[in-house]
Every structure is written in C-alpha cells, then in structure tokens.
Amino acid sequence: MVYEKIIKRLFSLALAIVMEIVLFIPLLIVGLMIKLTSKGPVLFVQERFGKNLKTF
C-alpha cells in the first residue's frame, strides 16, 4: 500500500516534468509573440479590491 503511493507520486512527478519540458518551447514562442505585437506586459496584472476597498 505504501509502495503504491510512492509509485503514484513518482509517476505524477515524472509526468509533470516531461510536460513542463514539452510545453516550454510553445509557451516561450507565444510569450515572445505577445511581447513583439503589443505594448503591454506578457502577463496581465490587475489590482483587485477586497474588504474596505483595500487593493491586493
């Protein structure tokens, strides 16, 4: 039972690492395309208002 949890965790980590490597190049290309075609930043940042209209 414990070994199954360890194997499942290792499989999840390995899959996450592989997907990060596979998706890095397309995401980098998209980020460069956004930066070259628009004035603003690649990632949109917005100020939000919380309790008592404090921004976070």
C-alpha atoms as a PDB file:
ATOM      1  CA  MET A   1       0.000   0.000   0.000  1.00  0.00           C
ATOM      2  CA  VAL A   2       2.756   2.442   0.888  1.00  0.00           C
ATOM      3  CA  TYR A   3       4.700   1.446  -2.225  1.00  0.00           C
ATOM      4  CA  GLU A   4       1.653   2.184  -4.394  1.00  0.00           C
ATOM      5  CA  LYS A   5       1.505   5.738  -3.018  1.00  0.00           C
ATOM      6  CA  ILE A   6       5.227   6.217  -3.628  1.00  0.00           C
ATOM      7  CA  ILE A   7       4.987   4.863  -7.180  1.00  0.00           C
ATOM      8  CA  LYS A   8       1.951   7.039  -7.907  1.00  0.00           C
ATOM      9  CA  ARG A   9       3.771  10.116  -6.579  1.00  0.00           C
ATOM     10  CA  LEU A  10       6.891   9.368  -8.634  1.00  0.00           C
ATOM     11  CA  PHE A  11       4.776   8.817 -11.756  1.00  0.00           C
ATOM     12  CA  SER A  12       2.995  12.134 -11.205  1.00  0.00           C
ATOM     13  CA  LEU A  13       6.274  13.986 -10.747  1.00  0.00           C
ATOM     14  CA  ALA A  14       7.829  12.371 -13.819  1.00  0.00           C
ATOM     15  CA  LEU A  15       4.781  13.227 -15.932  1.00  0.00           C
ATOM     16  CA  ALA A  16       4.793  16.822 -14.675  1.00  0.00           C
ATOM     17  CA  ILE A  17       8.486  17.217 -15.517  1.00  0.00           C
ATOM     18  CA  VAL A  18       8.019  15.766 -19.008  1.00  0.00           C
ATOM     19  CA  MET A  19       5.014  18.004 -19.701  1.00  0.00           C
ATOM     20  CA  GLU A  20       6.930  21.052 -18.463  1.00  0.00           C
ATOM     21  CA  ILE A  21       9.732  20.299 -20.905  1.00  0.00           C
ATOM     22  CA  VAL A  22       7.304  19.642 -23.792  1.00  0.00           C
ATOM     23  CA  LEU A  23       5.255  22.809 -23.189  1.00  0.00           C
ATOM     24  CA  PHE A  24       8.189  25.140 -22.501  1.00  0.00           C
ATOM     25  CA  ILE A  25       9.011  25.853 -26.159  1.00  0.00           C
ATOM     26  CA  PRO A  26       5.427  26.617 -27.338  1.00  0.00           C
ATOM     27  CA  LEU A  27       4.784  28.823 -24.305  1.00  0.00           C
ATOM     28  CA  LEU A  28       8.041  30.669 -24.882  1.00  0.00           C
ATOM     29  CA  ILE A  29       7.091  31.277 -28.537  1.00  0.00           C
ATOM     30  CA  VAL A  30       3.637  32.541 -27.570  1.00  0.00           C
ATOM     31  CA  GLY A  31       5.130  34.846 -24.935  1.00  0.00           C
ATOM     32  CA  LEU A  32       7.586  36.289 -27.438  1.00  0.00           C
ATOM     33  CA  MET A  33       4.812  36.798 -29.993  1.00  0.00           C
ATOM     34  CA  ILE A  34       2.700  38.660 -27.430  1.00  0.00           C
ATOM     35  CA  LYS A  35       5.643  40.832 -26.410  1.00  0.00           C
ATOM     36  CA  LEU A  36       6.522  41.700 -30.005  1.00  0.00           C
ATOM     37  CA  THR A  37       2.969  42.528 -31.098  1.00  0.00           C
ATOM     38  CA  SER A  38       1.644  44.511 -28.120  1.00  0.00           C
ATOM     39  CA  LYS A  39       2.830  47.332 -25.879  1.00  0.00           C
ATOM     40  CA  GLY A  40       1.813  45.803 -22.560  1.00  0.00           C
ATOM     41  CA  PRO A  41       3.388  43.073 -20.498  1.00  0.00           C
ATOM     42  CA  VAL A  42       3.108  39.392 -21.399  1.00  0.00           C
ATOM     43  CA  LEU A  43       1.260  38.570 -18.173  1.00  0.00           C
ATOM     44  CA  PHE A  44      -1.813  40.641 -17.318  1.00  0.00           C
ATOM     45  CA  VAL A  45      -1.810  42.033 -13.788  1.00  0.00           C
ATOM     46  CA  GLN A  46      -4.907  43.609 -12.333  1.00  0.00           C
ATOM     47  CA  GLU A  47      -5.446  45.343  -8.999  1.00  0.00           C
ATOM     48  CA  ARG A  48      -8.423  43.865  -7.188  1.00  0.00           C
ATOM     49  CA  PHE A  49     -10.411  45.433  -4.370  1.00  0.00           C
ATOM     50  CA  GLY A  50     -11.093  43.498  -1.189  1.00  0.00           C
ATOM     51  CA  LYS A  51     -12.632  44.300   2.147  1.00  0.00           C
ATOM     52  CA  ASN A  52     -12.858  48.050   2.879  1.00  0.00           C
ATOM     53  CA  LEU A  53     -11.758  48.713  -0.716  1.00  0.00           C
ATOM     54  CA  LYS A  54      -8.157  47.714   0.021  1.00  0.00           C
ATOM     55  CA  THR A  55      -6.262  46.596  -3.069  1.00  0.00           C
ATOM     56  CA  PHE A  56      -4.433  43.323  -3.238  1.00  0.00           C
END
